[in-house]
Amino acid sequence: MPKQQTQNIDWEAMRRMKVSDAIPPGDWPDRVVPISISGLTLFGIHKDTGDVYWDGHRIETTIRLSGRDRFLAALVAFSTASMAIVDLLRYAWGE
């Protein structure tokens, strides 16, 4: 397999041009701006882990359930387990 040629990139220029001059939608949080086409060069993927990086910094997302969501999840899990037990007992009694 032939060796790939690498492209010399001016990384400082990419960092200077990382954001677009487009006006973001009004429903975006303050100080959040669109990425330019040049700015996409600053995204990277770790070859072994698949982690995503932006300008050398790992991007991490966390999703946390609210108290209401945790309560509903526990209620559904309890209901499912109790129905399984009831069905198992009904089967064991021959119903």
PDB file of N, CA and C in Angstrom:
ATOM      1  N   MET A   1       0.836  -1.170   0.000  1.00  0.00           N
ATOM      2  CA  MET A   1       0.000   0.000   0.000  1.00  0.00           C
ATOM      3  C   MET A   1       0.887   1.242   0.000  1.00  0.00           C
ATOM      4  N   PRO A   2       0.661   2.172  -0.936  1.00  0.00           N
ATOM      5  CA  PRO A   2       1.538   3.346  -1.003  1.00  0.00           C
ATOM      6  C   PRO A   2       1.334   4.257   0.204  1.00  0.00           C
ATOM      7  N   LYS A   3       2.417   4.908   0.567  1.00  0.00           N
ATOM      8  CA  LYS A   3       2.375   5.829   1.692  1.00  0.00           C
ATOM      9  C   LYS A   3       1.600   7.082   1.288  1.00  0.00           C
ATOM     10  N   GLN A   4       0.671   7.507   2.158  1.00  0.00           N
ATOM     11  CA  GLN A   4      -0.118   8.694   1.854  1.00  0.00           C
ATOM     12  C   GLN A   4       0.729   9.948   2.026  1.00  0.00           C
ATOM     13  N   GLN A   5       0.495  10.890   1.151  1.00  0.00           N
ATOM     14  CA  GLN A   5       1.179  12.160   1.307  1.00  0.00           C
ATOM     15  C   GLN A   5       0.416  12.995   2.322  1.00  0.00           C
ATOM     16  N   THR A   6       1.167  13.658   3.170  1.00  0.00           N
ATOM     17  CA  THR A   6       0.521  14.510   4.161  1.00  0.00           C
ATOM     18  C   THR A   6       0.490  15.938   3.646  1.00  0.00           C
ATOM     19  N   GLN A   7      -0.575  16.625   4.028  1.00  0.00           N
ATOM     20  CA  GLN A   7      -0.744  18.008   3.608  1.00  0.00           C
ATOM     21  C   GLN A   7      -0.253  18.905   4.732  1.00  0.00           C
ATOM     22  N   ASN A   8       0.595  19.873   4.387  1.00  0.00           N
ATOM     23  CA  ASN A   8       1.048  20.824   5.393  1.00  0.00           C
ATOM     24  C   ASN A   8      -0.070  21.822   5.651  1.00  0.00           C
ATOM     25  N   ILE A   9      -0.487  21.923   6.896  1.00  0.00           N
ATOM     26  CA  ILE A   9      -1.579  22.808   7.276  1.00  0.00           C
ATOM     27  C   ILE A   9      -1.037  23.870   8.209  1.00  0.00           C
ATOM     28  N   ASP A  10      -1.436  25.095   7.971  1.00  0.00           N
ATOM     29  CA  ASP A  10      -1.085  26.197   8.865  1.00  0.00           C
ATOM     30  C   ASP A  10      -2.111  26.193  10.002  1.00  0.00           C
ATOM     31  N   TRP A  11      -1.773  25.528  11.103  1.00  0.00           N
ATOM     32  CA  TRP A  11      -2.724  25.334  12.198  1.00  0.00           C
ATOM     33  C   TRP A  11      -3.108  26.650  12.861  1.00  0.00           C
ATOM     34  N   GLU A  12      -2.190  27.576  12.918  1.00  0.00           N
ATOM     35  CA  GLU A  12      -2.534  28.883  13.515  1.00  0.00           C
ATOM     36  C   GLU A  12      -3.568  29.603  12.659  1.00  0.00           C
ATOM     37  N   ALA A  13      -3.453  29.479  11.337  1.00  0.00           N
ATOM     38  CA  ALA A  13      -4.456  30.086  10.445  1.00  0.00           C
ATOM     39  C   ALA A  13      -5.807  29.398  10.641  1.00  0.00           C
ATOM     40  N   MET A  14      -5.806  28.080  10.806  1.00  0.00           N
ATOM     41  CA  MET A  14      -7.066  27.365  11.040  1.00  0.00           C
ATOM     42  C   MET A  14      -7.724  27.840  12.329  1.00  0.00           C
ATOM     43  N   ARG A  15      -6.900  28.061  13.355  1.00  0.00           N
ATOM     44  CA  ARG A  15      -7.454  28.534  14.635  1.00  0.00           C
ATOM     45  C   ARG A  15      -7.997  29.956  14.517  1.00  0.00           C
ATOM     46  N   ARG A  16      -7.372  30.771  13.717  1.00  0.00           N
ATOM     47  CA  ARG A  16      -7.863  32.153  13.527  1.00  0.00           C
ATOM     48  C   ARG A  16      -9.176  32.171  12.751  1.00  0.00           C
ATOM     49  N   MET A  17      -9.380  31.189  11.868  1.00  0.00           N
ATOM     50  CA  MET A  17     -10.570  31.164  11.018  1.00  0.00           C
ATOM     51  C   MET A  17     -11.569  30.086  11.457  1.00  0.00           C
ATOM     52  N   LYS A  18     -11.559  29.705  12.728  1.00  0.00           N
ATOM     53  CA  LYS A  18     -12.370  28.577  13.171  1.00  0.00           C
ATOM     54  C   LYS A  18     -13.864  28.875  13.240  1.00  0.00           C
ATOM     55  N   VAL A  19     -14.243  30.137  13.345  1.00  0.00           N
ATOM     56  CA  VAL A  19     -15.672  30.462  13.421  1.00  0.00           C
ATOM     57  C   VAL A  19     -16.121  31.164  12.147  1.00  0.00           C
ATOM     58  N   SER A  20     -17.377  30.936  11.815  1.00  0.00           N
ATOM     59  CA  SER A  20     -17.986  31.553  10.645  1.00  0.00           C
ATOM     60  C   SER A  20     -18.440  32.966  11.003  1.00  0.00           C
ATOM     61  N   ASP A  21     -18.547  33.814  10.002  1.00  0.00           N
ATOM     62  CA  ASP A  21     -19.078  35.156  10.259  1.00  0.00           C
ATOM     63  C   ASP A  21     -20.603  35.189  10.123  1.00  0.00           C
ATOM     64  N   ALA A  22     -21.225  34.015   9.931  1.00  0.00           N
ATOM     65  CA  ALA A  22     -22.685  33.927   9.849  1.00  0.00           C
ATOM     66  C   ALA A  22     -23.290  34.238  11.219  1.00  0.00           C
ATOM     67  N   ILE A  23     -24.451  34.867  11.202  1.00  0.00           N
ATOM     68  CA  ILE A  23     -25.140  35.190  12.443  1.00  0.00           C
ATOM     69  C   ILE A  23     -25.874  33.932  12.923  1.00  0.00           C
ATOM     70  N   PRO A  24     -25.629  33.518  14.179  1.00  0.00           N
ATOM     71  CA  PRO A  24     -26.276  32.299  14.683  1.00  0.00           C
ATOM     72  C   PRO A  24     -27.775  32.514  14.880  1.00  0.00           C
ATOM     73  N   PRO A  25     -28.554  31.444  14.893  1.00  0.00           N
ATOM     74  CA  PRO A  25     -29.988  31.561  15.149  1.00  0.00           C
ATOM     75  C   PRO A  25     -30.250  32.174  16.525  1.00  0.00           C
ATOM     76  N   GLY A  26     -31.365  32.829  16.669  1.00  0.00           N
ATOM     77  CA  GLY A  26     -31.694  33.497  17.912  1.00  0.00           C
ATOM     78  C   GLY A  26     -31.904  32.569  19.095  1.00  0.00           C
ATOM     79  N   ASP A  27     -32.198  31.296  18.840  1.00  0.00           N
ATOM     80  CA  ASP A  27     -32.444  30.374  19.945  1.00  0.00           C
ATOM     81  C   ASP A  27     -31.179  29.692  20.458  1.00  0.00           C
ATOM     82  N   TRP A  28     -30.006  30.013  19.874  1.00  0.00           N
ATOM     83  CA  TRP A  28     -28.748  29.481  20.379  1.00  0.00           C
ATOM     84  C   TRP A  28     -28.354  30.241  21.642  1.00  0.00           C
ATOM     85  N   PRO A  29     -27.638  29.593  22.576  1.00  0.00           N
ATOM     86  CA  PRO A  29     -27.153  30.308  23.766  1.00  0.00           C
ATOM     87  C   PRO A  29     -26.202  31.446  23.378  1.00  0.00           C
ATOM     88  N   ASP A  30     -26.108  32.436  24.249  1.00  0.00           N
ATOM     89  CA  ASP A  30     -25.187  33.553  24.013  1.00  0.00           C
ATOM     90  C   ASP A  30     -23.764  33.045  23.829  1.00  0.00           C
ATOM     91  N   ARG A  31     -23.035  33.697  22.966  1.00  0.00           N
ATOM     92  CA  ARG A  31     -21.619  33.438  22.694  1.00  0.00           C
ATOM     93  C   ARG A  31     -21.369  32.106  21.987  1.00  0.00           C
ATOM     94  N   VAL A  32     -22.408  31.431  21.492  1.00  0.00           N
ATOM     95  CA  VAL A  32     -22.230  30.224  20.682  1.00  0.00           C
ATOM     96  C   VAL A  32     -22.315  30.659  19.224  1.00  0.00           C
ATOM     97  N   VAL A  33     -21.294  30.322  18.442  1.00  0.00           N
ATOM     98  CA  VAL A  33     -21.216  30.763  17.051  1.00  0.00           C
ATOM     99  C   VAL A  33     -21.029  29.566  16.126  1.00  0.00           C
ATOM    100  N   PRO A  34     -21.416  29.704  14.859  1.00  0.00           N
ATOM    101  CA  PRO A  34     -21.224  28.611  13.901  1.00  0.00           C
ATOM    102  C   PRO A  34     -19.745  28.370  13.607  1.00  0.00           C
ATOM    103  N   ILE A  35     -19.421  27.136  13.280  1.00  0.00           N
ATOM    104  CA  ILE A  35     -18.057  26.767  12.891  1.00  0.00           C
ATOM    105  C   ILE A  35     -17.888  27.024  11.401  1.00  0.00           C
ATOM    106  N   SER A  36     -16.735  27.531  11.019  1.00  0.00           N
ATOM    107  CA  SER A  36     -16.446  27.727   9.600  1.00  0.00           C
ATOM    108  C   SER A  36     -15.977  26.412   8.986  1.00  0.00           C
ATOM    109  N   ILE A  37     -15.895  26.392   7.669  1.00  0.00           N
ATOM    110  CA  ILE A  37     -15.371  25.202   6.987  1.00  0.00           C
ATOM    111  C   ILE A  37     -13.927  24.947   7.429  1.00  0.00           C
ATOM    112  N   SER A  38     -13.141  26.000   7.573  1.00  0.00           N
ATOM    113  CA  SER A  38     -11.758  25.840   8.046  1.00  0.00           C
ATOM    114  C   SER A  38     -11.724  25.310   9.468  1.00  0.00           C
ATOM    115  N   GLY A  39     -12.698  25.729  10.292  1.00  0.00           N
ATOM    116  CA  GLY A  39     -12.750  25.292  11.677  1.00  0.00           C
ATOM    117  C   GLY A  39     -12.998  23.800  11.818  1.00  0.00           C
ATOM    118  N   LEU A  40     -13.618  23.187  10.812  1.00  0.00           N
ATOM    119  CA  LEU A  40     -13.857  21.737  10.862  1.00  0.00           C
ATOM    120  C   LEU A  40     -12.551  20.953  10.889  1.00  0.00           C
ATOM    121  N   THR A  41     -11.475  21.564  10.398  1.00  0.00           N
ATOM    122  CA  THR A  41     -10.164  20.924  10.418  1.00  0.00           C
ATOM    123  C   THR A  41      -9.696  20.673  11.848  1.00  0.00           C
ATOM    124  N   LEU A  42     -10.213  21.448  12.797  1.00  0.00           N
ATOM    125  CA  LEU A  42      -9.789  21.314  14.189  1.00  0.00           C
ATOM    126  C   LEU A  42     -10.451  20.144  14.911  1.00  0.00           C
ATOM    127  N   PHE A  43     -11.422  19.479  14.253  1.00  0.00           N
ATOM    128  CA  PHE A  43     -12.007  18.275  14.834  1.00  0.00           C
ATOM    129  C   PHE A  43     -11.079  17.097  14.572  1.00  0.00           C
ATOM    130  N   GLY A  44     -10.973  16.211  15.544  1.00  0.00           N
ATOM    131  CA  GLY A  44     -10.154  15.017  15.374  1.00  0.00           C
ATOM    132  C   GLY A  44     -10.785  13.834  16.068  1.00  0.00           C
ATOM    133  N   ILE A  45     -10.412  12.648  15.646  1.00  0.00           N
ATOM    134  CA  ILE A  45     -10.909  11.412  16.234  1.00  0.00           C
ATOM    135  C   ILE A  45      -9.719  10.558  16.639  1.00  0.00           C
ATOM    136  N   HIS A  46      -9.724  10.095  17.883  1.00  0.00           N
ATOM    137  CA  HIS A  46      -8.652   9.222  18.372  1.00  0.00           C
ATOM    138  C   HIS A  46      -8.756   7.891  17.642  1.00  0.00           C
ATOM    139  N   LYS A  47      -7.672   7.433  17.048  1.00  0.00           N
ATOM    140  CA  LYS A  47      -7.697   6.221  16.233  1.00  0.00           C
ATOM    141  C   LYS A  47      -8.063   4.969  17.026  1.00  0.00           C
ATOM    142  N   ASP A  48      -7.652   4.889  18.284  1.00  0.00           N
ATOM    143  CA  ASP A  48      -7.886   3.678  19.069  1.00  0.00           C
ATOM    144  C   ASP A  48      -9.223   3.689  19.814  1.00  0.00           C
ATOM    145  N   THR A  49      -9.584   4.833  20.404  1.00  0.00           N
ATOM    146  CA  THR A  49     -10.778   4.875  21.254  1.00  0.00           C
ATOM    147  C   THR A  49     -12.012   5.425  20.556  1.00  0.00           C
ATOM    148  N   GLY A  50     -11.818   6.167  19.462  1.00  0.00           N
ATOM    149  CA  GLY A  50     -12.949   6.774  18.778  1.00  0.00           C
ATOM    150  C   GLY A  50     -13.432   8.055  19.443  1.00  0.00           C
ATOM    151  N   ASP A  51     -12.732   8.522  20.476  1.00  0.00           N
ATOM    152  CA  ASP A  51     -13.114   9.764  21.143  1.00  0.00           C
ATOM    153  C   ASP A  51     -12.963  10.937  20.170  1.00  0.00           C
ATOM    154  N   VAL A  52     -13.843  11.924  20.324  1.00  0.00           N
ATOM    155  CA  VAL A  52     -13.823  13.096  19.454  1.00  0.00           C
ATOM    156  C   VAL A  52     -13.099  14.235  20.172  1.00  0.00           C
ATOM    157  N   TYR A  53     -12.266  14.947  19.431  1.00  0.00           N
ATOM    158  CA  TYR A  53     -11.483  16.056  19.977  1.00  0.00           C
ATOM    159  C   TYR A  53     -11.745  17.316  19.170  1.00  0.00           C
ATOM    160  N   TRP A  54     -11.701  18.452  19.852  1.00  0.00           N
ATOM    161  CA  TRP A  54     -11.789  19.769  19.207  1.00  0.00           C
ATOM    162  C   TRP A  54     -10.534  20.533  19.582  1.00  0.00           C
ATOM    163  N   ASP A  55      -9.718  20.824  18.595  1.00  0.00           N
ATOM    164  CA  ASP A  55      -8.459  21.560  18.780  1.00  0.00           C
ATOM    165  C   ASP A  55      -7.611  20.950  19.896  1.00  0.00           C
ATOM    166  N   GLY A  56      -7.568  19.609  19.920  1.00  0.00           N
ATOM    167  CA  GLY A  56      -6.725  18.903  20.882  1.00  0.00           C
ATOM    168  C   GLY A  56      -7.380  18.624  22.218  1.00  0.00           C
ATOM    169  N   HIS A  57      -8.596  19.106  22.447  1.00  0.00           N
ATOM    170  CA  HIS A  57      -9.296  18.886  23.706  1.00  0.00           C
ATOM    171  C   HIS A  57     -10.425  17.875  23.494  1.00  0.00           C
ATOM    172  N   ARG A  58     -10.473  16.874  24.350  1.00  0.00           N
ATOM    173  CA  ARG A  58     -11.491  15.830  24.240  1.00  0.00           C
ATOM    174  C   ARG A  58     -12.875  16.425  24.482  1.00  0.00           C
ATOM    175  N   ILE A  59     -13.820  16.066  23.625  1.00  0.00           N
ATOM    176  CA  ILE A  59     -15.202  16.509  23.787  1.00  0.00           C
ATOM    177  C   ILE A  59     -15.928  15.443  24.595  1.00  0.00           C
ATOM    178  N   GLU A  60     -16.563  15.878  25.665  1.00  0.00           N
ATOM    179  CA  GLU A  60     -17.270  14.943  26.530  1.00  0.00           C
ATOM    180  C   GLU A  60     -18.701  15.436  26.713  1.00  0.00           C
ATOM    181  N   THR A  61     -19.653  14.553  26.491  1.00  0.00           N
ATOM    182  CA  THR A  61     -21.048  14.901  26.724  1.00  0.00           C
ATOM    183  C   THR A  61     -21.579  14.033  27.860  1.00  0.00           C
ATOM    184  N   THR A  62     -22.385  14.639  28.680  1.00  0.00           N
ATOM    185  CA  THR A  62     -22.972  13.940  29.808  1.00  0.00           C
ATOM    186  C   THR A  62     -24.470  14.176  29.802  1.00  0.00           C
ATOM    187  N   ILE A  63     -25.215  13.110  29.940  1.00  0.00           N
ATOM    188  CA  ILE A  63     -26.665  13.222  30.024  1.00  0.00           C
ATOM    189  C   ILE A  63     -27.074  12.730  31.404  1.00  0.00           C
ATOM    190  N   ARG A  64     -27.731  13.595  32.145  1.00  0.00           N
ATOM    191  CA  ARG A  64     -28.184  13.245  33.480  1.00  0.00           C
ATOM    192  C   ARG A  64     -29.702  13.310  33.526  1.00  0.00           C
ATOM    193  N   LEU A  65     -30.283  12.300  34.143  1.00  0.00           N
ATOM    194  CA  LEU A  65     -31.729  12.279  34.291  1.00  0.00           C
ATOM    195  C   LEU A  65     -32.139  13.195  35.437  1.00  0.00           C
ATOM    196  N   SER A  66     -33.253  13.878  35.262  1.00  0.00           N
ATOM    197  CA  SER A  66     -33.785  14.706  36.340  1.00  0.00           C
ATOM    198  C   SER A  66     -34.368  13.800  37.417  1.00  0.00           C
ATOM    199  N   GLY A  67     -34.704  14.362  38.558  1.00  0.00           N
ATOM    200  CA  GLY A  67     -35.302  13.585  39.641  1.00  0.00           C
ATOM    201  C   GLY A  67     -36.600  12.923  39.202  1.00  0.00           C
ATOM    202  N   ARG A  68     -37.413  13.660  38.429  1.00  0.00           N
ATOM    203  CA  ARG A  68     -38.677  13.113  37.928  1.00  0.00           C
ATOM    204  C   ARG A  68     -38.417  11.935  36.999  1.00  0.00           C
ATOM    205  N   ASP A  69     -37.437  12.069  36.115  1.00  0.00           N
ATOM    206  CA  ASP A  69     -37.105  10.992  35.177  1.00  0.00           C
ATOM    207  C   ASP A  69     -36.583   9.757  35.903  1.00  0.00           C
ATOM    208  N   ARG A  70     -35.752   9.966  36.926  1.00  0.00           N
ATOM    209  CA  ARG A  70     -35.243   8.830  37.705  1.00  0.00           C
ATOM    210  C   ARG A  70     -36.385   8.123  38.428  1.00  0.00           C
ATOM    211  N   PHE A  71     -37.324   8.900  38.978  1.00  0.00           N
ATOM    212  CA  PHE A  71     -38.473   8.317  39.660  1.00  0.00           C
ATOM    213  C   PHE A  71     -39.299   7.476  38.689  1.00  0.00           C
ATOM    214  N   LEU A  72     -39.585   8.023  37.512  1.00  0.00           N
ATOM    215  CA  LEU A  72     -40.371   7.285  36.520  1.00  0.00           C
ATOM    216  C   LEU A  72     -39.646   6.024  36.060  1.00  0.00           C
ATOM    217  N   ALA A  73     -38.332   6.109  35.877  1.00  0.00           N
ATOM    218  CA  ALA A  73     -37.560   4.929  35.471  1.00  0.00           C
ATOM    219  C   ALA A  73     -37.611   3.853  36.553  1.00  0.00           C
ATOM    220  N   ALA A  74     -37.498   4.248  37.816  1.00  0.00           N
ATOM    221  CA  ALA A  74     -37.573   3.286  38.913  1.00  0.00           C
ATOM    222  C   ALA A  74     -38.973   2.674  38.986  1.00  0.00           C
ATOM    223  N   LEU A  75     -39.998   3.495  38.770  1.00  0.00           N
ATOM    224  CA  LEU A  75     -41.378   2.996  38.797  1.00  0.00           C
ATOM    225  C   LEU A  75     -41.615   1.973  37.688  1.00  0.00           C
ATOM    226  N   VAL A  76     -41.111   2.260  36.497  1.00  0.00           N
ATOM    227  CA  VAL A  76     -41.258   1.327  35.375  1.00  0.00           C
ATOM    228  C   VAL A  76     -40.490   0.032  35.658  1.00  0.00           C
ATOM    229  N   ALA A  77     -39.280   0.141  36.191  1.00  0.00           N
ATOM    230  CA  ALA A  77     -38.492  -1.053  36.506  1.00  0.00           C
ATOM    231  C   ALA A  77     -39.183  -1.898  37.576  1.00  0.00           C
ATOM    232  N   PHE A  78     -39.710  -1.244  38.616  1.00  0.00           N
ATOM    233  CA  PHE A  78     -40.418  -1.968  39.672  1.00  0.00           C
ATOM    234  C   PHE A  78     -41.667  -2.645  39.116  1.00  0.00           C
ATOM    235  N   SER A  79     -42.426  -1.922  38.291  1.00  0.00           N
ATOM    236  CA  SER A  79     -43.648  -2.486  37.707  1.00  0.00           C
ATOM    237  C   SER A  79     -43.336  -3.686  36.823  1.00  0.00           C
ATOM    238  N   THR A  80     -42.297  -3.574  36.029  1.00  0.00           N
ATOM    239  CA  THR A  80     -41.910  -4.677  35.146  1.00  0.00           C
ATOM    240  C   THR A  80     -41.491  -5.899  35.955  1.00  0.00           C
ATOM    241  N   ALA A  81     -40.681  -5.674  36.993  1.00  0.00           N
ATOM    242  CA  ALA A  81     -40.227  -6.800  37.823  1.00  0.00           C
ATOM    243  C   ALA A  81     -41.402  -7.440  38.561  1.00  0.00           C
ATOM    244  N   SER A  82     -42.309  -6.627  39.083  1.00  0.00           N
ATOM    245  CA  SER A  82     -43.446  -7.205  39.816  1.00  0.00           C
ATOM    246  C   SER A  82     -44.356  -7.998  38.883  1.00  0.00           C
ATOM    247  N   MET A  83     -44.573  -7.527  37.674  1.00  0.00           N
ATOM    248  CA  MET A  83     -45.394  -8.274  36.718  1.00  0.00           C
ATOM    249  C   MET A  83     -44.720  -9.588  36.338  1.00  0.00           C
ATOM    250  N   ALA A  84     -43.401  -9.580  36.233  1.00  0.00           N
ATOM    251  CA  ALA A  84     -42.679 -10.817  35.914  1.00  0.00           C
ATOM    252  C   ALA A  84     -42.837 -11.819  37.049  1.00  0.00           C
ATOM    253  N   ILE A  85     -42.773 -11.343  38.280  1.00  0.00           N
ATOM    254  CA  ILE A  85     -42.935 -12.241  39.432  1.00  0.00           C
ATOM    255  C   ILE A  85     -44.352 -12.802  39.462  1.00  0.00           C
ATOM    256  N   VAL A  86     -45.348 -11.947  39.234  1.00  0.00           N
ATOM    257  CA  VAL A  86     -46.742 -12.407  39.227  1.00  0.00           C
ATOM    258  C   VAL A  86     -46.949 -13.451  38.139  1.00  0.00           C
ATOM    259  N   ASP A  87     -46.442 -13.191  36.950  1.00  0.00           N
ATOM    260  CA  ASP A  87     -46.585 -14.164  35.860  1.00  0.00           C
ATOM    261  C   ASP A  87     -45.859 -15.468  36.166  1.00  0.00           C
ATOM    262  N   LEU A  88     -44.714 -15.397  36.803  1.00  0.00           N
ATOM    263  CA  LEU A  88     -43.971 -16.600  37.177  1.00  0.00           C
ATOM    264  C   LEU A  88     -44.757 -17.415  38.203  1.00  0.00           C
ATOM    265  N   LEU A  89     -45.342 -16.750  39.185  1.00  0.00           N
ATOM    266  CA  LEU A  89     -46.147 -17.444  40.188  1.00  0.00           C
ATOM    267  C   LEU A  89     -47.403 -18.061  39.565  1.00  0.00           C
ATOM    268  N   ARG A  90     -48.039 -17.349  38.656  1.00  0.00           N
ATOM    269  CA  ARG A  90     -49.222 -17.883  37.978  1.00  0.00           C
ATOM    270  C   ARG A  90     -48.851 -19.120  37.173  1.00  0.00           C
ATOM    271  N   TYR A  91     -47.701 -19.088  36.520  1.00  0.00           N
ATOM    272  CA  TYR A  91     -47.232 -20.250  35.755  1.00  0.00           C
ATOM    273  C   TYR A  91     -46.961 -21.429  36.688  1.00  0.00           C
ATOM    274  N   ALA A  92     -46.328 -21.138  37.831  1.00  0.00           N
ATOM    275  CA  ALA A  92     -45.985 -22.195  38.782  1.00  0.00           C
ATOM    276  C   ALA A  92     -47.258 -22.824  39.376  1.00  0.00           C
ATOM    277  N   TRP A  93     -48.322 -22.070  39.546  1.00  0.00           N
ATOM    278  CA  TRP A  93     -49.572 -22.588  40.091  1.00  0.00           C
ATOM    279  C   TRP A  93     -50.474 -23.204  39.014  1.00  0.00           C
ATOM    280  N   GLY A  94     -50.027 -23.165  37.783  1.00  0.00           N
ATOM    281  CA  GLY A  94     -50.761 -23.805  36.706  1.00  0.00           C
ATOM    282  C   GLY A  94     -51.914 -22.988  36.146  1.00  0.00           C
ATOM    283  N   GLU A  95     -51.900 -21.706  36.317  1.00  0.00           N
ATOM    284  CA  GLU A  95     -52.975 -20.853  35.774  1.00  0.00           C
ATOM    285  C   GLU A  95     -52.667 -20.401  34.377  1.00  0.00           C
TER     286      GLU A  95
END
